[in-house]
Amino acid sequence: MEHHLYIKNMVCPRCIATVTEVLQQQGLAVQEVKLGEAVVTSDQEPDMAVLSPALEAHGFELLQEKDEQLTDLIKTTLLEYQRHLEEEYQPITTSVYLAEKLGMSYQHLSKVFSQHTDTTIEKYLIRLKIERVKELISYGELTLSEIAFRLQYSSVQHLSNQFKKVTGISVTDFKKNPTIARTPLDDLA
């Protein structure tokens, strides 16, 4: 029998590998693991009382309420959208992207997200973008103009203003000490 598990705080390929390993250690036959979700097969329902602490030991959380699952799925989809922004010169809007990917109205997604995170989808996406800006600055491979273009900012000034508003420090101050103020993606909301 196939079982879908929804898992919070999965943000990268290493997370997928770790969750896969934890599920296998619990004796589950893993069919697929992707950001925020795992599909396992077993004759009976997985023992959540055992599985939940095993995942929590690695910083993950098993989601059981539907709105929590949807909120985490929105976060994962926004991470995909951010990658989409970097790859497309004429990307679709956030609302269209989410509605198409998740098959629900943006109004519903926005309402559920706001109720479970105390922030809006737009503000969360801005924080995601700022973390990406920090990452790209710390690599030192791109100019600020190239970063602004890559992340679909209208100008370097727009990026700089948003960076200062979100982080409380200027881009220049961050460049001088790029190890300050980095936030793990699973701590954004």
Protein backbone atom coordinates (compact mmCIF):
# COMPACT_ATOMS: atom_id res chain seq x y z
CA MET A 1 0.00 0.00 0.00
CA GLU A 2 1.31 3.46 -0.92
CA HIS A 3 1.57 6.17 1.76
CA HIS A 4 2.32 9.86 1.22
CA LEU A 5 4.29 11.60 3.96
CA TYR A 6 4.59 15.37 4.08
CA ILE A 7 7.79 16.65 5.64
CA LYS A 8 8.66 20.21 6.69
CA ASN A 9 12.11 21.85 6.38
CA MET A 10 13.25 20.04 3.25
CA VAL A 11 15.06 22.67 1.17
CA CYS A 12 17.87 20.98 -0.75
CA PRO A 13 19.12 17.75 -2.34
CA ARG A 14 20.95 16.82 0.90
CA CYS A 15 17.59 16.97 2.68
CA ILE A 16 16.17 14.48 0.17
CA ALA A 17 19.11 12.13 0.76
CA THR A 18 18.80 12.40 4.55
CA VAL A 19 15.04 11.81 4.57
CA THR A 20 15.47 8.84 2.24
CA GLU A 21 18.05 7.37 4.60
CA VAL A 22 15.85 7.92 7.69
CA LEU A 23 12.84 6.29 6.02
CA GLN A 24 14.92 3.30 4.94
CA GLN A 25 16.32 2.97 8.48
CA GLN A 26 12.72 2.78 9.68
CA GLY A 27 12.17 -0.21 7.40
CA LEU A 28 10.03 1.60 4.85
CA ALA A 29 10.24 0.89 1.12
CA VAL A 30 10.93 4.31 -0.38
CA GLN A 31 9.34 4.89 -3.78
CA GLU A 32 10.11 8.58 -4.17
CA VAL A 33 11.37 11.50 -2.10
CA LYS A 34 11.15 15.10 -3.27
CA LEU A 35 11.19 18.41 -1.44
CA GLY A 36 8.42 18.30 1.14
CA GLU A 37 7.05 14.86 0.31
CA ALA A 38 7.94 11.18 0.43
CA VAL A 39 6.09 8.21 -0.99
CA VAL A 40 6.64 4.89 0.78
CA THR A 41 5.05 1.48 0.48
CA SER A 42 4.20 -0.77 3.35
CA ASP A 43 1.50 -3.26 4.30
CA GLN A 44 0.39 -1.06 7.17
CA GLU A 45 0.36 2.61 8.03
CA PRO A 46 3.87 3.87 9.00
CA ASP A 47 4.26 4.28 12.77
CA MET A 48 4.22 8.07 13.15
CA ALA A 49 5.21 7.85 16.84
CA VAL A 50 8.53 6.30 15.76
CA LEU A 51 8.98 8.06 12.42
CA SER A 52 8.36 11.59 13.68
CA PRO A 53 11.22 11.65 16.27
CA ALA A 54 13.58 9.98 13.76
CA LEU A 55 12.94 12.81 11.29
CA GLU A 56 13.06 15.49 14.00
CA ALA A 57 16.53 14.29 15.01
CA HIS A 58 17.68 15.58 11.60
CA GLY A 59 15.74 18.86 11.73
CA PHE A 60 12.64 17.73 9.81
CA GLU A 61 9.04 17.70 10.92
CA LEU A 62 6.28 15.33 9.85
CA LEU A 63 3.22 17.32 8.80
CA GLN A 64 -0.15 15.79 9.43
CA GLU A 65 -2.62 18.67 9.11
CA LYS A 66 -3.67 19.49 5.52
CA ASP A 67 -3.10 23.25 5.80
CA GLU A 68 0.40 22.69 7.23
CA GLN A 69 1.12 20.38 4.31
CA LEU A 70 -0.14 22.99 1.86
CA THR A 71 1.91 25.75 3.50
CA ASP A 72 5.07 23.67 3.21
CA LEU A 73 4.22 22.84 -0.41
CA ILE A 74 3.82 26.55 -1.14
CA LYS A 75 7.28 27.21 0.36
CA THR A 76 8.80 24.45 -1.76
CA THR A 77 7.06 25.74 -4.87
CA LEU A 78 8.30 29.28 -4.14
CA LEU A 79 11.84 27.91 -4.01
CA GLU A 80 11.25 26.38 -7.45
CA TYR A 81 9.77 29.70 -8.62
CA GLN A 82 12.90 31.53 -7.51
CA ARG A 83 14.97 29.17 -9.68
CA HIS A 84 12.49 29.83 -12.50
CA LEU A 85 13.09 33.59 -12.10
CA GLU A 86 16.83 33.09 -12.56
CA GLU A 87 16.37 31.03 -15.72
CA GLU A 88 13.62 32.94 -17.56
CA TYR A 89 13.88 36.42 -19.01
CA GLN A 90 10.11 36.81 -19.06
CA PRO A 91 8.89 34.78 -16.09
CA ILE A 92 5.24 34.39 -15.22
CA THR A 93 3.96 36.08 -12.08
CA THR A 94 4.14 34.44 -8.67
CA SER A 95 0.36 34.09 -8.47
CA VAL A 96 0.09 32.39 -11.87
CA TYR A 97 3.05 30.11 -11.17
CA LEU A 98 1.65 28.94 -7.80
CA ALA A 99 -1.90 28.50 -9.09
CA GLU A 100 -0.70 26.45 -12.08
CA LYS A 101 1.74 24.30 -10.12
CA LEU A 102 -0.58 23.61 -7.18
CA GLY A 103 -3.92 23.56 -9.00
CA MET A 104 -5.60 25.96 -6.58
CA SER A 105 -6.59 29.61 -6.67
CA TYR A 106 -3.93 32.06 -5.57
CA GLN A 107 -6.43 33.63 -3.14
CA HIS A 108 -6.84 30.29 -1.33
CA LEU A 109 -3.09 29.64 -1.28
CA SER A 110 -2.40 33.14 0.01
CA LYS A 111 -4.99 32.83 2.79
CA VAL A 112 -3.70 29.45 4.01
CA PHE A 113 -0.07 30.60 3.83
CA SER A 114 -0.72 33.80 5.79
CA GLN A 115 -2.68 31.94 8.47
CA HIS A 116 0.13 29.45 9.06
CA THR A 117 3.23 31.63 8.74
CA ASP A 118 2.24 35.10 9.95
CA THR A 119 3.61 36.54 6.70
CA THR A 120 2.43 36.86 3.13
CA ILE A 121 3.58 34.88 0.12
CA GLU A 122 5.05 38.08 -1.34
CA LYS A 123 7.08 38.89 1.79
CA TYR A 124 8.29 35.29 2.02
CA LEU A 125 9.41 35.38 -1.62
CA ILE A 126 11.28 38.64 -0.98
CA ARG A 127 13.10 37.04 1.95
CA LEU A 128 13.94 34.03 -0.25
CA LYS A 129 15.34 36.34 -2.92
CA ILE A 130 17.39 38.29 -0.37
CA GLU A 131 18.92 35.05 0.93
CA ARG A 132 19.83 34.19 -2.65
CA VAL A 133 21.37 37.66 -3.06
CA LYS A 134 23.48 37.04 0.06
CA GLU A 135 24.58 33.69 -1.31
CA LEU A 136 25.57 35.13 -4.69
CA ILE A 137 27.41 38.05 -3.07
CA SER A 138 29.36 35.70 -0.82
CA TYR A 139 30.57 33.72 -3.86
CA GLY A 140 32.09 36.90 -5.27
CA GLU A 141 31.59 35.76 -8.87
CA LEU A 142 28.94 38.26 -10.00
CA THR A 143 28.65 42.02 -9.79
CA LEU A 144 25.66 43.53 -8.03
CA SER A 145 24.30 44.55 -11.45
CA GLU A 146 24.52 40.94 -12.65
CA ILE A 147 22.81 39.70 -9.47
CA ALA A 148 20.01 42.27 -9.86
CA PHE A 149 19.48 41.21 -13.48
CA ARG A 150 19.62 37.50 -12.66
CA LEU A 151 17.02 37.80 -9.88
CA GLN A 152 14.66 40.02 -11.91
CA TYR A 153 15.14 43.24 -9.93
CA SER A 154 14.27 46.37 -11.92
CA SER A 155 17.56 48.00 -10.88
CA VAL A 156 20.54 47.72 -8.54
CA GLN A 157 18.94 50.47 -6.46
CA HIS A 158 15.76 48.40 -6.06
CA LEU A 159 17.81 45.40 -4.94
CA SER A 160 19.86 47.55 -2.55
CA ASN A 161 16.78 49.18 -1.01
CA GLN A 162 15.02 45.85 -0.53
CA PHE A 163 18.19 44.28 0.91
CA LYS A 164 18.53 47.08 3.49
CA LYS A 165 14.81 46.93 4.38
CA VAL A 166 14.86 43.16 4.94
CA THR A 167 18.27 42.71 6.59
CA GLY A 168 18.81 46.04 8.31
CA ILE A 169 22.27 46.36 6.74
CA SER A 170 23.44 47.74 3.42
CA VAL A 171 24.73 45.60 0.59
CA THR A 172 28.11 47.32 1.02
CA ASP A 173 28.28 46.33 4.70
CA PHE A 174 27.32 42.77 3.80
CA LYS A 175 30.01 42.63 1.11
CA LYS A 176 32.61 43.67 3.68
CA ASN A 177 31.56 40.78 5.94
CA PRO A 178 29.49 38.24 3.94
CA THR A 179 29.33 35.78 6.82
CA ILE A 180 26.93 37.97 8.80
CA ALA A 181 23.16 37.72 8.66
CA ARG A 182 22.76 34.53 6.59
CA THR A 183 19.48 32.78 7.40
CA PRO A 184 18.81 29.09 6.70
CA LEU A 185 15.90 28.75 4.26
CA ASP A 186 13.87 26.66 6.67
CA ASP A 187 14.00 29.54 9.20
CA LEU A 188 12.55 32.19 6.87
CA ALA A 189 8.95 31.98 8.10
